[in-house]
Amino acid sequence: MTDFITISFGPSEDVARLGWFNRKERFDNLNDAKQCGRRNLSQPGTFGYVVIEEGEDFWEVVDELGAPVHAVSVTAKRFTYSVQPAPQLQLV
């Protein structure tokens, strides 16, 4: 069975220490997941959202809106997801 997870994200009170907040909601279909993400964009402090399609042995980002491309990093550890600022390259 496939589930869709919407993760809305934005800055926490202490971004340097805590990173971004992630609000996660699970849906049975893609359209409901996208609508939830769009609704959450109207909340103050929300930068954007991603929708993740999750199967038994895979996950894939299927929709995203808000933050500029390559500005966010989506990670998963045993199907626990996190959206944080993408690491910045540093010239040395």
C-alpha atoms as a PDB file:
ATOM      1  CA  MET A   1       0.000   0.000   0.000  1.00  0.00           C
ATOM      2  CA  THR A   2       1.208   3.504  -0.822  1.00  0.00           C
ATOM      3  CA  ASP A   3       0.921   6.416   1.610  1.00  0.00           C
ATOM      4  CA  PHE A   4       1.598  10.087   0.988  1.00  0.00           C
ATOM      5  CA  ILE A   5       3.258  12.206   3.658  1.00  0.00           C
ATOM      6  CA  THR A   6       3.119  16.001   3.619  1.00  0.00           C
ATOM      7  CA  ILE A   7       5.912  17.752   5.495  1.00  0.00           C
ATOM      8  CA  SER A   8       5.535  21.506   5.967  1.00  0.00           C
ATOM      9  CA  PHE A   9       8.710  23.219   7.124  1.00  0.00           C
ATOM     10  CA  GLY A  10      10.070  26.534   8.329  1.00  0.00           C
ATOM     11  CA  PRO A  11      12.537  28.030  10.792  1.00  0.00           C
ATOM     12  CA  SER A  12      12.443  27.028  14.450  1.00  0.00           C
ATOM     13  CA  GLU A  13      13.162  29.527  17.212  1.00  0.00           C
ATOM     14  CA  ASP A  14      16.871  28.645  17.178  1.00  0.00           C
ATOM     15  CA  VAL A  15      17.730  27.543  13.640  1.00  0.00           C
ATOM     16  CA  ALA A  16      21.453  27.139  14.352  1.00  0.00           C
ATOM     17  CA  ARG A  17      20.740  24.649  17.142  1.00  0.00           C
ATOM     18  CA  LEU A  18      17.394  23.107  16.230  1.00  0.00           C
ATOM     19  CA  GLY A  19      17.226  23.429  12.442  1.00  0.00           C
ATOM     20  CA  TRP A  20      13.751  23.737  10.938  1.00  0.00           C
ATOM     21  CA  PHE A  21      10.425  22.618  12.334  1.00  0.00           C
ATOM     22  CA  ASN A  22       8.720  19.795  10.424  1.00  0.00           C
ATOM     23  CA  ARG A  23       4.954  19.282  10.551  1.00  0.00           C
ATOM     24  CA  LYS A  24       4.052  15.840   9.165  1.00  0.00           C
ATOM     25  CA  GLU A  25       0.667  14.518   8.056  1.00  0.00           C
ATOM     26  CA  ARG A  26      -0.175  11.205   6.348  1.00  0.00           C
ATOM     27  CA  PHE A  27      -2.741  10.746   3.538  1.00  0.00           C
ATOM     28  CA  ASP A  28      -4.126   7.961   1.341  1.00  0.00           C
ATOM     29  CA  ASN A  29      -3.948   9.942  -1.902  1.00  0.00           C
ATOM     30  CA  LEU A  30      -1.687  12.489  -3.561  1.00  0.00           C
ATOM     31  CA  ASN A  31      -4.309  15.211  -4.089  1.00  0.00           C
ATOM     32  CA  ASP A  32      -5.208  15.414  -0.383  1.00  0.00           C
ATOM     33  CA  ALA A  33      -1.498  15.561   0.506  1.00  0.00           C
ATOM     34  CA  LYS A  34      -0.885  18.431  -1.942  1.00  0.00           C
ATOM     35  CA  GLN A  35      -3.932  20.360  -0.692  1.00  0.00           C
ATOM     36  CA  CYS A  36      -2.710  20.045   2.884  1.00  0.00           C
ATOM     37  CA  GLY A  37       0.700  21.419   1.903  1.00  0.00           C
ATOM     38  CA  ARG A  38      -0.866  24.375   0.112  1.00  0.00           C
ATOM     39  CA  ARG A  39      -3.120  25.153   3.091  1.00  0.00           C
ATOM     40  CA  ASN A  40      -0.140  25.046   5.453  1.00  0.00           C
ATOM     41  CA  LEU A  41       1.711  27.632   3.330  1.00  0.00           C
ATOM     42  CA  SER A  42      -0.646  30.285   4.675  1.00  0.00           C
ATOM     43  CA  GLN A  43       0.604  29.719   8.242  1.00  0.00           C
ATOM     44  CA  PRO A  44       3.169  32.296   9.414  1.00  0.00           C
ATOM     45  CA  GLY A  45       6.751  31.023   9.328  1.00  0.00           C
ATOM     46  CA  THR A  46       6.112  28.214   6.839  1.00  0.00           C
ATOM     47  CA  PHE A  47       8.689  28.210   4.017  1.00  0.00           C
ATOM     48  CA  GLY A  48       7.245  25.372   1.975  1.00  0.00           C
ATOM     49  CA  TYR A  49       6.243  21.735   1.846  1.00  0.00           C
ATOM     50  CA  VAL A  50       7.221  18.415   0.315  1.00  0.00           C
ATOM     51  CA  VAL A  51       5.020  15.411  -0.427  1.00  0.00           C
ATOM     52  CA  ILE A  52       6.666  12.011  -0.097  1.00  0.00           C
ATOM     53  CA  GLU A  53       5.246   8.848  -1.623  1.00  0.00           C
ATOM     54  CA  GLU A  54       6.028   5.936   0.671  1.00  0.00           C
ATOM     55  CA  GLY A  55       5.729   2.259  -0.254  1.00  0.00           C
ATOM     56  CA  GLU A  56       6.772  -0.875   1.584  1.00  0.00           C
ATOM     57  CA  ASP A  57      10.409  -0.599   0.533  1.00  0.00           C
ATOM     58  CA  PHE A  58      10.806   2.832  -1.109  1.00  0.00           C
ATOM     59  CA  TRP A  59      10.175   6.545  -0.712  1.00  0.00           C
ATOM     60  CA  GLU A  60      10.243   9.364  -3.245  1.00  0.00           C
ATOM     61  CA  VAL A  61       9.573  13.116  -3.184  1.00  0.00           C
ATOM     62  CA  VAL A  62       6.679  13.597  -5.620  1.00  0.00           C
ATOM     63  CA  ASP A  63       5.807  17.258  -5.031  1.00  0.00           C
ATOM     64  CA  GLU A  64       7.427  20.290  -3.440  1.00  0.00           C
ATOM     65  CA  LEU A  65       6.669  23.972  -3.258  1.00  0.00           C
ATOM     66  CA  GLY A  66       7.968  27.045  -1.492  1.00  0.00           C
ATOM     67  CA  ALA A  67      11.702  26.911  -0.920  1.00  0.00           C
ATOM     68  CA  PRO A  68      14.035  27.434  -3.886  1.00  0.00           C
ATOM     69  CA  VAL A  69      15.303  24.353  -5.694  1.00  0.00           C
ATOM     70  CA  HIS A  70      18.302  22.794  -3.922  1.00  0.00           C
ATOM     71  CA  ALA A  71      17.633  24.890  -0.789  1.00  0.00           C
ATOM     72  CA  VAL A  72      16.275  21.951   1.201  1.00  0.00           C
ATOM     73  CA  SER A  73      17.538  18.511   2.078  1.00  0.00           C
ATOM     74  CA  VAL A  74      15.131  15.606   2.655  1.00  0.00           C
ATOM     75  CA  THR A  75      16.547  12.712   4.655  1.00  0.00           C
ATOM     76  CA  ALA A  76      15.105   9.428   5.841  1.00  0.00           C
ATOM     77  CA  LYS A  77      16.185   7.100   8.582  1.00  0.00           C
ATOM     78  CA  ARG A  78      14.043   3.958   8.601  1.00  0.00           C
ATOM     79  CA  PHE A  79      11.094   5.843   7.100  1.00  0.00           C
ATOM     80  CA  THR A  80      11.390   8.732   9.550  1.00  0.00           C
ATOM     81  CA  TYR A  81      11.725  11.858   7.426  1.00  0.00           C
ATOM     82  CA  SER A  82      13.288  15.246   8.051  1.00  0.00           C
ATOM     83  CA  VAL A  83      13.429  18.407   5.931  1.00  0.00           C
ATOM     84  CA  GLN A  84      16.285  20.787   6.760  1.00  0.00           C
ATOM     85  CA  PRO A  85      18.287  23.520   5.014  1.00  0.00           C
ATOM     86  CA  ALA A  86      20.575  22.014   2.397  1.00  0.00           C
ATOM     87  CA  PRO A  87      24.248  21.979   3.373  1.00  0.00           C
ATOM     88  CA  GLN A  88      26.136  24.919   1.901  1.00  0.00           C
ATOM     89  CA  LEU A  89      29.328  24.465  -0.047  1.00  0.00           C
ATOM     90  CA  GLN A  90      32.311  26.277   1.409  1.00  0.00           C
ATOM     91  CA  LEU A  91      35.309  27.361  -0.594  1.00  0.00           C
ATOM     92  CA  VAL A  92      38.658  26.800   1.072  1.00  0.00           C
END
